[in-house]
Amino acid sequence: MYRIFKERMIKGIVTCRIEPDLRQKIESSGNELKALIQQKFGRSLHIREVDTGSCGACESEIIAANNPLYDLQRFGINFVASPRHADALLVTGPVSKNMVLALKKTYEAVGEPKFVISCGDCACGGDIFVSSYYVEGGVDKILPVALHIPGCPPSPMAIINALLVFLREK
């Protein structure tokens, strides 16, 4: 017990303070998103995420969007393990040649109606990897992309806002 107390005293506070205005933005955007999802789908929105060759930064932000601060699930967005249960496909990273077939098969497995979301600059056009010999290009060269979330990587709030704008227009 003493060792734990000593380590705690040496490390100090390792968490950061959440600003009240950020908390308010998350709540207001999230509640509007929840209402739009309920109106459009009549239930929660199920998303299957596919990494087609990214560096991992976009996945980190998607994980952060599911942490207790943002908690996308309470706003009606569920990430699912099977494309058969998904309404949307969220793709990160430039599409590497070895992922083209897997991406197409995953897209075909998603039930109708479906839409594709490209997350991050690499997923849109390949970004810095576009001239690589092993990159096919952005997701838009392989699948019909309905929504692009820009950023390298996009923040959790940017992901929420992009989904909000997309669902308003849909």
Protein backbone atom coordinates (compact mmCIF):
# COMPACT_ATOMS: atom_id res chain seq x y z
CA MET A 1 0.00 0.00 0.00
CA TYR A 2 2.86 2.33 0.83
CA ARG A 3 4.45 1.70 -2.58
CA ILE A 4 1.20 2.64 -4.39
CA PHE A 5 0.89 5.82 -2.33
CA LYS A 6 4.53 6.72 -3.01
CA GLU A 7 4.12 6.20 -6.80
CA ARG A 8 0.98 8.33 -6.76
CA MET A 9 2.79 11.15 -4.99
CA ILE A 10 5.72 11.01 -7.44
CA LYS A 11 3.54 10.93 -10.58
CA GLY A 12 1.08 13.56 -9.46
CA ILE A 13 -2.19 14.10 -11.32
CA VAL A 14 -2.08 12.39 -14.71
CA THR A 15 -5.54 13.31 -15.94
CA CYS A 16 -6.48 16.57 -17.60
CA ARG A 17 -9.31 18.90 -16.76
CA ILE A 18 -12.25 18.87 -19.15
CA GLU A 19 -13.38 22.36 -20.01
CA PRO A 20 -17.11 23.00 -19.38
CA ASP A 21 -17.62 24.46 -22.87
CA LEU A 22 -16.26 21.25 -24.47
CA ARG A 23 -18.57 19.18 -22.31
CA GLN A 24 -21.50 21.39 -23.37
CA LYS A 25 -20.56 21.09 -27.08
CA ILE A 26 -20.39 17.31 -26.79
CA GLU A 27 -23.75 17.11 -25.07
CA SER A 28 -25.60 19.43 -27.45
CA SER A 29 -24.09 17.91 -30.61
CA GLY A 30 -24.56 14.41 -29.28
CA ASN A 31 -28.19 14.92 -28.36
CA GLU A 32 -28.95 16.36 -31.79
CA LEU A 33 -27.10 13.44 -33.37
CA LYS A 34 -29.12 11.00 -31.28
CA ALA A 35 -32.40 12.60 -32.36
CA LEU A 36 -31.39 12.52 -36.05
CA ILE A 37 -30.31 8.88 -35.85
CA GLN A 38 -33.58 7.93 -34.18
CA GLN A 39 -35.55 9.87 -36.81
CA LYS A 40 -33.64 8.44 -39.81
CA PHE A 41 -33.10 4.86 -38.64
CA GLY A 42 -35.67 4.30 -35.90
CA ARG A 43 -32.89 2.71 -33.84
CA SER A 44 -29.16 3.15 -33.34
CA LEU A 45 -26.71 3.51 -36.23
CA HIS A 46 -24.41 0.50 -36.60
CA ILE A 47 -20.97 1.09 -38.08
CA ARG A 48 -18.33 -1.40 -39.12
CA GLU A 49 -14.83 0.09 -39.06
CA VAL A 50 -12.19 -1.18 -41.50
CA ASP A 51 -8.52 -0.22 -41.39
CA THR A 52 -7.11 -0.56 -44.91
CA GLY A 53 -3.53 0.37 -44.11
CA SER A 54 -3.46 3.38 -41.84
CA CYS A 55 -0.84 4.47 -39.34
CA GLY A 56 -3.28 3.96 -36.47
CA ALA A 57 -3.93 7.61 -35.61
CA CYS A 58 -7.51 7.59 -36.95
CA GLU A 59 -8.25 4.40 -35.01
CA SER A 60 -6.96 6.09 -31.86
CA GLU A 61 -9.37 8.97 -32.39
CA ILE A 62 -12.26 6.59 -33.08
CA ILE A 63 -11.41 4.79 -29.83
CA ALA A 64 -11.31 8.18 -28.09
CA ALA A 65 -14.75 8.95 -29.51
CA ASN A 66 -15.99 5.88 -27.66
CA ASN A 67 -14.37 6.75 -24.33
CA PRO A 68 -16.46 8.03 -21.39
CA LEU A 69 -15.97 11.70 -22.36
CA TYR A 70 -17.52 11.48 -25.83
CA ASP A 71 -19.25 8.08 -25.53
CA LEU A 72 -20.76 7.75 -29.00
CA GLN A 73 -22.80 4.76 -27.91
CA ARG A 74 -25.01 6.88 -25.65
CA PHE A 75 -25.80 8.99 -28.72
CA GLY A 76 -26.93 5.96 -30.73
CA ILE A 77 -23.78 4.97 -32.61
CA ASN A 78 -22.62 1.39 -32.18
CA PHE A 79 -19.50 -0.11 -33.70
CA VAL A 80 -20.19 -3.70 -34.71
CA ALA A 81 -17.90 -6.64 -35.41
CA SER A 82 -19.78 -7.98 -38.40
CA PRO A 83 -20.54 -6.11 -41.62
CA ARG A 84 -23.83 -8.04 -41.76
CA HIS A 85 -25.02 -6.04 -38.75
CA ALA A 86 -23.81 -2.68 -40.08
CA ASP A 87 -25.60 0.25 -41.71
CA ALA A 88 -22.36 2.01 -42.63
CA LEU A 89 -18.75 1.21 -43.35
CA LEU A 90 -16.14 3.52 -41.82
CA VAL A 91 -12.80 3.17 -43.61
CA THR A 92 -9.48 4.53 -42.37
CA GLY A 93 -6.15 4.68 -44.15
CA PRO A 94 -5.12 4.49 -47.77
CA VAL A 95 -6.29 1.30 -49.44
CA SER A 96 -3.31 -1.00 -49.73
CA LYS A 97 -3.28 -3.54 -52.55
CA ASN A 98 -3.71 -6.46 -50.17
CA MET A 99 -6.88 -4.89 -48.67
CA VAL A 100 -8.80 -4.15 -51.90
CA LEU A 101 -10.55 -7.51 -52.09
CA ALA A 102 -11.25 -7.62 -48.35
CA LEU A 103 -12.72 -4.11 -48.49
CA LYS A 104 -14.97 -4.98 -51.43
CA LYS A 105 -16.17 -8.17 -49.73
CA THR A 106 -16.88 -6.28 -46.51
CA TYR A 107 -18.86 -3.67 -48.45
CA GLU A 108 -20.88 -6.38 -50.22
CA ALA A 109 -21.69 -8.00 -46.86
CA VAL A 110 -23.25 -4.80 -45.49
CA GLY A 111 -27.02 -4.87 -45.90
CA GLU A 112 -28.96 -2.35 -47.98
CA PRO A 113 -29.32 0.59 -47.63
CA LYS A 114 -25.71 1.30 -46.78
CA PHE A 115 -23.21 4.11 -47.01
CA VAL A 116 -19.44 4.49 -46.78
CA ILE A 117 -17.59 6.96 -44.57
CA SER A 118 -13.92 7.69 -45.21
CA CYS A 119 -12.18 8.89 -42.06
CA GLY A 120 -8.96 10.87 -42.31
CA ASP A 121 -7.00 12.40 -45.15
CA CYS A 122 -5.36 9.09 -46.11
CA ALA A 123 -8.72 7.41 -46.67
CA CYS A 124 -9.87 10.18 -48.99
CA GLY A 125 -7.09 10.38 -51.52
CA GLY A 126 -4.20 8.37 -50.14
CA ASP A 127 -2.52 11.54 -48.79
CA ILE A 128 1.25 11.07 -48.48
CA PHE A 129 1.00 7.39 -49.40
CA VAL A 130 -0.66 7.99 -52.78
CA SER A 131 2.56 7.54 -54.74
CA SER A 132 3.55 4.34 -52.95
CA TYR A 133 3.84 1.23 -55.08
CA TYR A 134 1.68 -0.70 -52.63
CA VAL A 135 -1.23 1.72 -52.30
CA GLU A 136 -4.25 1.50 -54.54
CA GLY A 137 -5.37 5.01 -53.56
CA GLY A 138 -8.19 6.43 -51.50
CA VAL A 139 -11.40 4.62 -50.63
CA ASP A 140 -13.29 6.65 -53.23
CA LYS A 141 -11.43 4.76 -55.99
CA ILE A 142 -12.79 1.45 -54.69
CA LEU A 143 -16.21 2.24 -53.14
CA PRO A 144 -18.83 5.01 -53.40
CA VAL A 145 -18.04 7.32 -50.48
CA ALA A 146 -21.03 9.22 -49.06
CA LEU A 147 -19.19 11.08 -46.29
CA HIS A 148 -15.58 12.14 -45.86
CA ILE A 149 -14.31 13.20 -42.45
CA PRO A 150 -11.17 15.31 -43.05
CA GLY A 151 -8.21 15.56 -40.72
CA CYS A 152 -4.97 13.86 -39.94
CA PRO A 153 -6.38 12.46 -37.73
CA PRO A 154 -9.85 13.93 -37.23
CA SER A 155 -10.67 14.62 -33.60
CA PRO A 156 -13.61 12.89 -31.90
CA MET A 157 -15.53 16.18 -32.03
CA ALA A 158 -14.82 16.44 -35.78
CA ILE A 159 -16.19 12.91 -36.23
CA ILE A 160 -19.36 13.81 -34.31
CA ASN A 161 -19.83 17.07 -36.23
CA ALA A 162 -19.28 15.42 -39.63
CA LEU A 163 -21.86 12.74 -38.84
CA LEU A 164 -24.23 15.44 -37.64
CA VAL A 165 -23.93 17.48 -40.84
CA PHE A 166 -24.26 14.36 -43.00
CA LEU A 167 -27.40 13.13 -41.24
CA ARG A 168 -29.00 16.57 -41.42
CA GLU A 169 -28.66 16.50 -45.21
CA LYS A 170 -29.55 12.83 -45.71
